[in-house]
Amino acid sequence: MYIILGATGHVGSAVAETLLTKGERVTVVTRDPAKSDQWKQKGAEVAVADVHDVKRLRQIFQTGKRLFLLNPPASPDTDTVAEEKKSLASIMAAVEGSDFEKIVAQSTYGAHDGEGVGDLGVLYELEQKLSESRIPFSVVRGAYYMSN
């Protein structure tokens, strides 16, 4: 079973749809129950969860063997760095103790540590936390997106 975070966005939905067309079992994670039916019609299982709910994420993660990890972008009317760090901390806390065979994480070209780099620093932190994990992982650092 593949668990897809960010499945209702451009990148995550493409990942989920590709896996479904190949006959893979997929669970999409969404915070919006209204988006459940469209995924169920495509053959996916749906798990409704807030990304900050570590307990719920752990429950969902226990059902899968592979995770596509996309840390959701924060609303621009908030402190985006603080909000994205908060969601990353929740996701990584839920990953601990999971039985994932592999994690594929969405990052971006130029993700690096430093002052004043915005969410690039959060993506750098994501990459570092994965490297400290016992779970094998790959990072996708897209530079340009045709559909995003």
N, C-alpha and C. Protein backbone atom coordinates (compact mmCIF):
# COMPACT_ATOMS: atom_id res chain seq x y z
N MET A 1 0.85 -1.19 0.00
CA MET A 1 0.00 0.00 0.00
C MET A 1 0.89 1.24 0.00
N TYR A 2 0.55 2.17 -0.88
CA TYR A 2 1.22 3.46 -0.96
C TYR A 2 0.37 4.49 -0.22
N ILE A 3 1.00 5.29 0.60
CA ILE A 3 0.34 6.39 1.29
C ILE A 3 0.81 7.67 0.60
N ILE A 4 -0.13 8.51 0.19
CA ILE A 4 0.21 9.72 -0.54
C ILE A 4 -0.25 10.94 0.26
N LEU A 5 0.72 11.72 0.73
CA LEU A 5 0.43 13.01 1.35
C LEU A 5 0.41 14.06 0.25
N GLY A 6 -0.50 14.99 0.33
CA GLY A 6 -0.59 16.01 -0.71
C GLY A 6 -1.28 15.52 -1.96
N ALA A 7 -2.12 14.51 -1.83
CA ALA A 7 -2.73 13.87 -3.00
C ALA A 7 -3.77 14.75 -3.69
N THR A 8 -4.22 15.81 -3.06
CA THR A 8 -5.22 16.65 -3.71
C THR A 8 -4.59 17.82 -4.45
N GLY A 9 -3.27 17.92 -4.42
CA GLY A 9 -2.57 18.97 -5.15
C GLY A 9 -2.07 18.49 -6.50
N HIS A 10 -1.35 19.35 -7.20
CA HIS A 10 -0.86 19.03 -8.55
C HIS A 10 0.07 17.83 -8.56
N VAL A 11 1.09 17.85 -7.73
CA VAL A 11 2.11 16.80 -7.76
C VAL A 11 1.58 15.52 -7.13
N GLY A 12 1.03 15.61 -5.93
CA GLY A 12 0.54 14.43 -5.24
C GLY A 12 -0.56 13.70 -6.00
N SER A 13 -1.44 14.46 -6.66
CA SER A 13 -2.50 13.81 -7.43
C SER A 13 -1.93 13.06 -8.62
N ALA A 14 -0.90 13.60 -9.25
CA ALA A 14 -0.25 12.91 -10.37
C ALA A 14 0.39 11.61 -9.90
N VAL A 15 1.01 11.65 -8.73
CA VAL A 15 1.63 10.45 -8.16
C VAL A 15 0.55 9.40 -7.88
N ALA A 16 -0.51 9.81 -7.20
CA ALA A 16 -1.58 8.87 -6.85
C ALA A 16 -2.24 8.28 -8.10
N GLU A 17 -2.54 9.11 -9.08
CA GLU A 17 -3.20 8.63 -10.30
C GLU A 17 -2.30 7.68 -11.08
N THR A 18 -1.01 7.98 -11.13
CA THR A 18 -0.07 7.09 -11.83
C THR A 18 -0.04 5.72 -11.17
N LEU A 19 0.04 5.70 -9.85
CA LEU A 19 0.06 4.42 -9.14
C LEU A 19 -1.25 3.65 -9.34
N LEU A 20 -2.36 4.35 -9.28
CA LEU A 20 -3.66 3.69 -9.47
C LEU A 20 -3.79 3.09 -10.87
N THR A 21 -3.30 3.79 -11.89
CA THR A 21 -3.40 3.26 -13.25
C THR A 21 -2.51 2.04 -13.44
N LYS A 22 -1.51 1.89 -12.58
CA LYS A 22 -0.64 0.71 -12.63
C LYS A 22 -1.17 -0.43 -11.77
N GLY A 23 -2.35 -0.21 -11.17
CA GLY A 23 -2.97 -1.25 -10.36
C GLY A 23 -2.48 -1.34 -8.93
N GLU A 24 -1.75 -0.34 -8.48
CA GLU A 24 -1.25 -0.34 -7.10
C GLU A 24 -2.35 0.08 -6.14
N ARG A 25 -2.24 -0.39 -4.91
CA ARG A 25 -3.15 0.02 -3.84
C ARG A 25 -2.64 1.34 -3.27
N VAL A 26 -3.54 2.30 -3.18
CA VAL A 26 -3.16 3.66 -2.78
C VAL A 26 -4.13 4.17 -1.72
N THR A 27 -3.57 4.81 -0.70
CA THR A 27 -4.37 5.58 0.25
C THR A 27 -3.98 7.04 0.09
N VAL A 28 -4.94 7.88 -0.23
CA VAL A 28 -4.68 9.31 -0.30
C VAL A 28 -5.08 9.92 1.04
N VAL A 29 -4.28 10.85 1.50
CA VAL A 29 -4.54 11.53 2.76
C VAL A 29 -5.00 12.94 2.42
N THR A 30 -6.16 13.31 2.93
CA THR A 30 -6.70 14.65 2.71
C THR A 30 -7.29 15.18 4.01
N ARG A 31 -7.24 16.47 4.17
CA ARG A 31 -7.89 17.07 5.34
C ARG A 31 -9.34 17.41 5.05
N ASP A 32 -9.72 17.35 3.76
CA ASP A 32 -11.05 17.76 3.33
C ASP A 32 -11.91 16.55 2.95
N PRO A 33 -12.86 16.17 3.82
CA PRO A 33 -13.70 15.01 3.53
C PRO A 33 -14.47 15.13 2.21
N ALA A 34 -14.73 16.35 1.77
CA ALA A 34 -15.47 16.56 0.52
C ALA A 34 -14.71 16.04 -0.70
N LYS A 35 -13.41 15.85 -0.57
CA LYS A 35 -12.60 15.36 -1.69
C LYS A 35 -12.48 13.84 -1.71
N SER A 36 -13.14 13.18 -0.77
CA SER A 36 -13.02 11.73 -0.65
C SER A 36 -13.64 10.98 -1.82
N ASP A 37 -14.85 11.37 -2.21
CA ASP A 37 -15.58 10.61 -3.23
C ASP A 37 -14.83 10.52 -4.56
N GLN A 38 -14.23 11.62 -4.99
CA GLN A 38 -13.52 11.59 -6.28
C GLN A 38 -12.39 10.58 -6.26
N TRP A 39 -11.72 10.43 -5.12
CA TRP A 39 -10.62 9.47 -5.03
C TRP A 39 -11.14 8.04 -4.91
N LYS A 40 -12.22 7.87 -4.19
CA LYS A 40 -12.82 6.53 -4.08
C LYS A 40 -13.27 6.04 -5.45
N GLN A 41 -13.83 6.94 -6.26
CA GLN A 41 -14.26 6.57 -7.61
C GLN A 41 -13.09 6.14 -8.49
N LYS A 42 -11.90 6.64 -8.18
CA LYS A 42 -10.70 6.27 -8.95
C LYS A 42 -10.06 4.99 -8.43
N GLY A 43 -10.59 4.48 -7.30
CA GLY A 43 -10.08 3.22 -6.76
C GLY A 43 -9.16 3.36 -5.57
N ALA A 44 -9.00 4.56 -5.08
CA ALA A 44 -8.13 4.79 -3.92
C ALA A 44 -8.90 4.62 -2.62
N GLU A 45 -8.16 4.27 -1.58
CA GLU A 45 -8.70 4.38 -0.24
C GLU A 45 -8.43 5.81 0.21
N VAL A 46 -9.25 6.33 1.08
CA VAL A 46 -9.11 7.71 1.52
C VAL A 46 -9.01 7.74 3.03
N ALA A 47 -8.05 8.51 3.52
CA ALA A 47 -7.90 8.74 4.96
C ALA A 47 -7.99 10.25 5.19
N VAL A 48 -8.93 10.65 6.02
CA VAL A 48 -9.09 12.06 6.34
C VAL A 48 -8.29 12.35 7.60
N ALA A 49 -7.40 13.34 7.50
CA ALA A 49 -6.55 13.68 8.64
C ALA A 49 -6.01 15.08 8.49
N ASP A 50 -5.85 15.73 9.61
CA ASP A 50 -5.11 16.99 9.66
C ASP A 50 -3.64 16.64 9.81
N VAL A 51 -2.81 17.29 9.04
CA VAL A 51 -1.38 16.96 9.05
C VAL A 51 -0.73 17.21 10.41
N HIS A 52 -1.39 17.96 11.27
CA HIS A 52 -0.85 18.21 12.61
C HIS A 52 -1.28 17.16 13.63
N ASP A 53 -2.13 16.24 13.23
CA ASP A 53 -2.64 15.20 14.12
C ASP A 53 -1.72 13.96 14.04
N VAL A 54 -0.70 13.95 14.88
CA VAL A 54 0.31 12.89 14.84
C VAL A 54 -0.32 11.52 15.07
N LYS A 55 -1.22 11.43 16.02
CA LYS A 55 -1.85 10.13 16.33
C LYS A 55 -2.58 9.58 15.11
N ARG A 56 -3.35 10.42 14.44
CA ARG A 56 -4.10 9.98 13.26
C ARG A 56 -3.14 9.61 12.12
N LEU A 57 -2.11 10.43 11.91
CA LEU A 57 -1.14 10.10 10.86
C LEU A 57 -0.46 8.76 11.14
N ARG A 58 -0.13 8.51 12.40
CA ARG A 58 0.49 7.21 12.75
C ARG A 58 -0.43 6.05 12.39
N GLN A 59 -1.72 6.21 12.68
CA GLN A 59 -2.68 5.16 12.34
C GLN A 59 -2.68 4.90 10.83
N ILE A 60 -2.69 5.96 10.07
CA ILE A 60 -2.69 5.84 8.61
C ILE A 60 -1.39 5.21 8.13
N PHE A 61 -0.28 5.67 8.67
CA PHE A 61 1.03 5.19 8.23
C PHE A 61 1.22 3.71 8.52
N GLN A 62 0.54 3.20 9.54
CA GLN A 62 0.67 1.77 9.86
C GLN A 62 0.06 0.88 8.79
N THR A 63 -0.74 1.45 7.90
CA THR A 63 -1.40 0.65 6.86
C THR A 63 -0.60 0.56 5.57
N GLY A 64 0.52 1.27 5.49
CA GLY A 64 1.25 1.33 4.23
C GLY A 64 2.69 0.87 4.33
N LYS A 65 3.26 0.62 3.16
CA LYS A 65 4.67 0.22 3.07
C LYS A 65 5.54 1.29 2.41
N ARG A 66 4.91 2.18 1.66
CA ARG A 66 5.65 3.24 0.98
C ARG A 66 4.90 4.56 1.14
N LEU A 67 5.68 5.62 1.32
CA LEU A 67 5.10 6.94 1.57
C LEU A 67 5.62 7.94 0.55
N PHE A 68 4.69 8.67 -0.07
CA PHE A 68 5.07 9.86 -0.83
C PHE A 68 4.82 11.03 0.11
N LEU A 69 5.89 11.72 0.48
CA LEU A 69 5.83 12.77 1.50
C LEU A 69 5.95 14.13 0.83
N LEU A 70 4.88 14.86 0.86
CA LEU A 70 4.88 16.24 0.40
C LEU A 70 4.41 17.08 1.58
N ASN A 71 5.32 17.87 2.13
CA ASN A 71 4.95 18.74 3.25
C ASN A 71 4.07 19.84 2.68
N PRO A 72 2.83 19.96 3.13
CA PRO A 72 1.93 20.93 2.51
C PRO A 72 2.38 22.37 2.73
N PRO A 73 2.23 23.19 1.70
CA PRO A 73 2.60 24.60 1.86
C PRO A 73 1.63 25.29 2.82
N ALA A 74 2.16 26.19 3.61
CA ALA A 74 1.33 26.95 4.54
C ALA A 74 0.64 28.09 3.79
N SER A 75 -0.44 28.52 4.35
CA SER A 75 -1.16 29.67 3.79
C SER A 75 -0.24 30.89 3.83
N PRO A 76 -0.19 31.68 2.75
CA PRO A 76 0.71 32.83 2.73
C PRO A 76 0.35 33.93 3.72
N ASP A 77 -0.83 33.86 4.31
CA ASP A 77 -1.21 34.88 5.30
C ASP A 77 -0.78 34.50 6.72
N THR A 78 0.06 33.45 6.83
CA THR A 78 0.59 33.04 8.13
C THR A 78 2.11 33.18 8.10
N ASP A 79 2.73 32.84 9.20
CA ASP A 79 4.19 32.71 9.23
C ASP A 79 4.50 31.38 8.56
N THR A 80 4.73 31.40 7.27
CA THR A 80 4.82 30.17 6.48
C THR A 80 5.93 29.25 6.97
N VAL A 81 7.06 29.80 7.33
CA VAL A 81 8.17 28.95 7.79
C VAL A 81 7.78 28.23 9.08
N ALA A 82 7.22 28.97 10.04
CA ALA A 82 6.81 28.35 11.31
C ALA A 82 5.74 27.29 11.08
N GLU A 83 4.76 27.59 10.23
CA GLU A 83 3.69 26.62 9.97
C GLU A 83 4.20 25.38 9.26
N GLU A 84 5.09 25.56 8.28
CA GLU A 84 5.62 24.40 7.56
C GLU A 84 6.55 23.57 8.45
N LYS A 85 7.27 24.22 9.36
CA LYS A 85 8.09 23.46 10.31
C LYS A 85 7.20 22.65 11.25
N LYS A 86 6.08 23.24 11.64
CA LYS A 86 5.14 22.54 12.53
C LYS A 86 4.57 21.30 11.83
N SER A 87 4.16 21.44 10.59
CA SER A 87 3.61 20.28 9.88
C SER A 87 4.68 19.24 9.63
N LEU A 88 5.90 19.67 9.30
CA LEU A 88 6.99 18.72 9.10
C LEU A 88 7.28 17.94 10.38
N ALA A 89 7.28 18.62 11.51
CA ALA A 89 7.53 17.94 12.79
C ALA A 89 6.46 16.89 13.05
N SER A 90 5.21 17.20 12.75
CA SER A 90 4.12 16.23 12.95
C SER A 90 4.28 15.02 12.05
N ILE A 91 4.58 15.27 10.78
CA ILE A 91 4.74 14.17 9.83
C ILE A 91 5.90 13.27 10.26
N MET A 92 7.03 13.86 10.60
CA MET A 92 8.20 13.06 10.96
C MET A 92 7.98 12.31 12.27
N ALA A 93 7.23 12.90 13.20
CA ALA A 93 6.90 12.19 14.44
C ALA A 93 6.04 10.98 14.13
N ALA A 94 5.13 11.12 13.18
CA ALA A 94 4.27 9.99 12.80
C ALA A 94 5.04 8.92 12.03
N VAL A 95 6.07 9.31 11.31
CA VAL A 95 6.89 8.36 10.56
C VAL A 95 7.66 7.45 11.52
N GLU A 96 8.08 8.01 12.66
CA GLU A 96 8.83 7.21 13.65
C GLU A 96 8.00 6.00 14.06
N GLY A 97 8.61 4.86 14.02
CA GLY A 97 7.92 3.64 14.41
C GLY A 97 7.10 3.00 13.30
N SER A 98 7.10 3.63 12.14
CA SER A 98 6.36 3.03 11.02
C SER A 98 7.18 1.89 10.42
N ASP A 99 6.54 1.13 9.56
CA ASP A 99 7.21 0.02 8.88
C ASP A 99 7.43 0.32 7.41
N PHE A 100 7.60 1.58 7.07
CA PHE A 100 7.81 1.93 5.67
C PHE A 100 9.06 1.28 5.12
N GLU A 101 8.94 0.74 3.93
CA GLU A 101 10.09 0.19 3.21
C GLU A 101 10.84 1.30 2.49
N LYS A 102 10.12 2.37 2.14
CA LYS A 102 10.72 3.46 1.38
C LYS A 102 9.86 4.71 1.52
N ILE A 103 10.54 5.85 1.51
CA ILE A 103 9.87 7.14 1.48
C ILE A 103 10.40 7.90 0.27
N VAL A 104 9.51 8.48 -0.50
CA VAL A 104 9.89 9.40 -1.56
C VAL A 104 9.36 10.76 -1.14
N ALA A 105 10.26 11.73 -1.04
CA ALA A 105 9.88 13.06 -0.55
C ALA A 105 10.02 14.09 -1.67
N GLN A 106 9.05 14.98 -1.73
CA GLN A 106 9.09 16.08 -2.69
C GLN A 106 9.80 17.26 -2.05
N SER A 107 10.88 17.69 -2.65
CA SER A 107 11.62 18.86 -2.20
C SER A 107 11.65 19.83 -3.38
N THR A 108 12.70 20.59 -3.50
CA THR A 108 12.84 21.49 -4.64
C THR A 108 14.30 21.80 -4.88
N TYR A 109 14.58 22.17 -6.09
CA TYR A 109 15.93 22.61 -6.43
C TYR A 109 16.28 23.80 -5.56
N GLY A 110 17.45 23.79 -4.98
CA GLY A 110 17.89 24.91 -4.17
C GLY A 110 17.53 24.82 -2.70
N ALA A 111 16.95 23.72 -2.27
CA ALA A 111 16.64 23.57 -0.84
C ALA A 111 17.95 23.60 -0.07
N HIS A 112 18.06 24.55 0.83
CA HIS A 112 19.29 24.65 1.61
C HIS A 112 19.01 25.37 2.92
N ASP A 113 19.95 25.24 3.81
CA ASP A 113 19.86 25.83 5.13
C ASP A 113 20.30 27.28 5.06
N GLY A 114 19.77 28.09 5.94
CA GLY A 114 20.24 29.46 6.00
C GLY A 114 19.15 30.43 6.38
N GLU A 115 19.56 31.62 6.73
CA GLU A 115 18.63 32.68 7.09
C GLU A 115 18.00 33.28 5.83
N GLY A 116 16.75 33.60 5.92
CA GLY A 116 16.08 34.32 4.85
C GLY A 116 15.85 33.53 3.58
N VAL A 117 15.81 32.21 3.67
CA VAL A 117 15.57 31.41 2.46
C VAL A 117 14.14 30.87 2.41
N GLY A 118 13.30 31.33 3.32
CA GLY A 118 11.90 30.91 3.32
C GLY A 118 11.74 29.42 3.50
N ASP A 119 10.77 28.87 2.76
CA ASP A 119 10.49 27.45 2.94
C ASP A 119 11.56 26.55 2.33
N LEU A 120 12.53 27.11 1.62
CA LEU A 120 13.65 26.28 1.18
C LEU A 120 14.38 25.69 2.38
N GLY A 121 14.44 26.45 3.46
CA GLY A 121 15.06 25.96 4.68
C GLY A 121 14.27 24.82 5.31
N VAL A 122 12.94 24.87 5.18
CA VAL A 122 12.10 23.79 5.72
C VAL A 122 12.31 22.53 4.89
N LEU A 123 12.42 22.68 3.58
CA LEU A 123 12.67 21.52 2.73
C LEU A 123 14.05 20.93 2.99
N TYR A 124 15.02 21.79 3.26
CA TYR A 124 16.34 21.31 3.65
C TYR A 124 16.23 20.49 4.94
N GLU A 125 15.46 21.01 5.89
CA GLU A 125 15.25 20.31 7.16
C GLU A 125 14.59 18.95 6.92
N LEU A 126 13.63 18.91 6.01
CA LEU A 126 12.99 17.65 5.64
C LEU A 126 14.03 16.65 5.15
N GLU A 127 14.89 17.08 4.25
CA GLU A 127 15.92 16.19 3.72
C GLU A 127 16.86 15.71 4.82
N GLN A 128 17.22 16.59 5.73
CA GLN A 128 18.11 16.21 6.82
C GLN A 128 17.45 15.20 7.76
N LYS A 129 16.18 15.43 8.07
CA LYS A 129 15.47 14.50 8.96
C LYS A 129 15.35 13.12 8.31
N LEU A 130 15.13 13.08 7.02
CA LEU A 130 15.07 11.79 6.33
C LEU A 130 16.42 11.09 6.38
N SER A 131 17.51 11.85 6.25
CA SER A 131 18.84 11.23 6.28
C SER A 131 19.17 10.67 7.66
N GLU A 132 18.51 11.17 8.69
CA GLU A 132 18.72 10.66 10.05
C GLU A 132 17.82 9.47 10.35
N SER A 133 16.88 9.20 9.48
CA SER A 133 15.92 8.12 9.67
C SER A 133 16.54 6.79 9.27
N ARG A 134 15.97 5.72 9.77
CA ARG A 134 16.42 4.37 9.42
C ARG A 134 15.76 3.88 8.13
N ILE A 135 14.83 4.65 7.60
CA ILE A 135 14.04 4.24 6.44
C ILE A 135 14.73 4.69 5.15
N PRO A 136 14.90 3.79 4.19
CA PRO A 136 15.46 4.20 2.89
C PRO A 136 14.55 5.27 2.26
N PHE A 137 15.18 6.24 1.59
CA PHE A 137 14.39 7.33 1.02
C PHE A 137 15.03 7.85 -0.27
N SER A 138 14.23 8.52 -1.04
CA SER A 138 14.67 9.27 -2.21
C SER A 138 14.04 10.65 -2.12
N VAL A 139 14.76 11.64 -2.60
CA VAL A 139 14.26 13.01 -2.62
C VAL A 139 14.15 13.45 -4.08
N VAL A 140 12.99 13.97 -4.42
CA VAL A 140 12.77 14.53 -5.75
C VAL A 140 12.91 16.04 -5.62
N ARG A 141 13.91 16.60 -6.32
CA ARG A 141 14.15 18.04 -6.27
C ARG A 141 13.81 18.65 -7.63
N GLY A 142 12.54 18.80 -7.88
CA GLY A 142 12.12 19.39 -9.15
C GLY A 142 12.53 20.85 -9.23
N ALA A 143 12.96 21.27 -10.41
CA ALA A 143 13.34 22.67 -10.62
C ALA A 143 12.22 23.45 -11.31
N TYR A 144 11.55 22.83 -12.24
CA TYR A 144 10.46 23.48 -12.97
C TYR A 144 9.31 22.50 -13.12
N TYR A 145 8.11 23.02 -13.14
CA TYR A 145 6.93 22.19 -13.30
C TYR A 145 6.10 22.72 -14.46
N MET A 146 5.77 21.84 -15.38
CA MET A 146 4.93 22.25 -16.51
C MET A 146 3.48 22.47 -16.09
N SER A 147 3.04 21.74 -15.07
CA SER A 147 1.62 21.80 -14.71
C SER A 147 1.37 22.48 -13.37
N ASN A 148 2.37 23.04 -12.77
CA ASN A 148 2.18 23.61 -11.45
C ASN A 148 2.18 25.12 -11.51
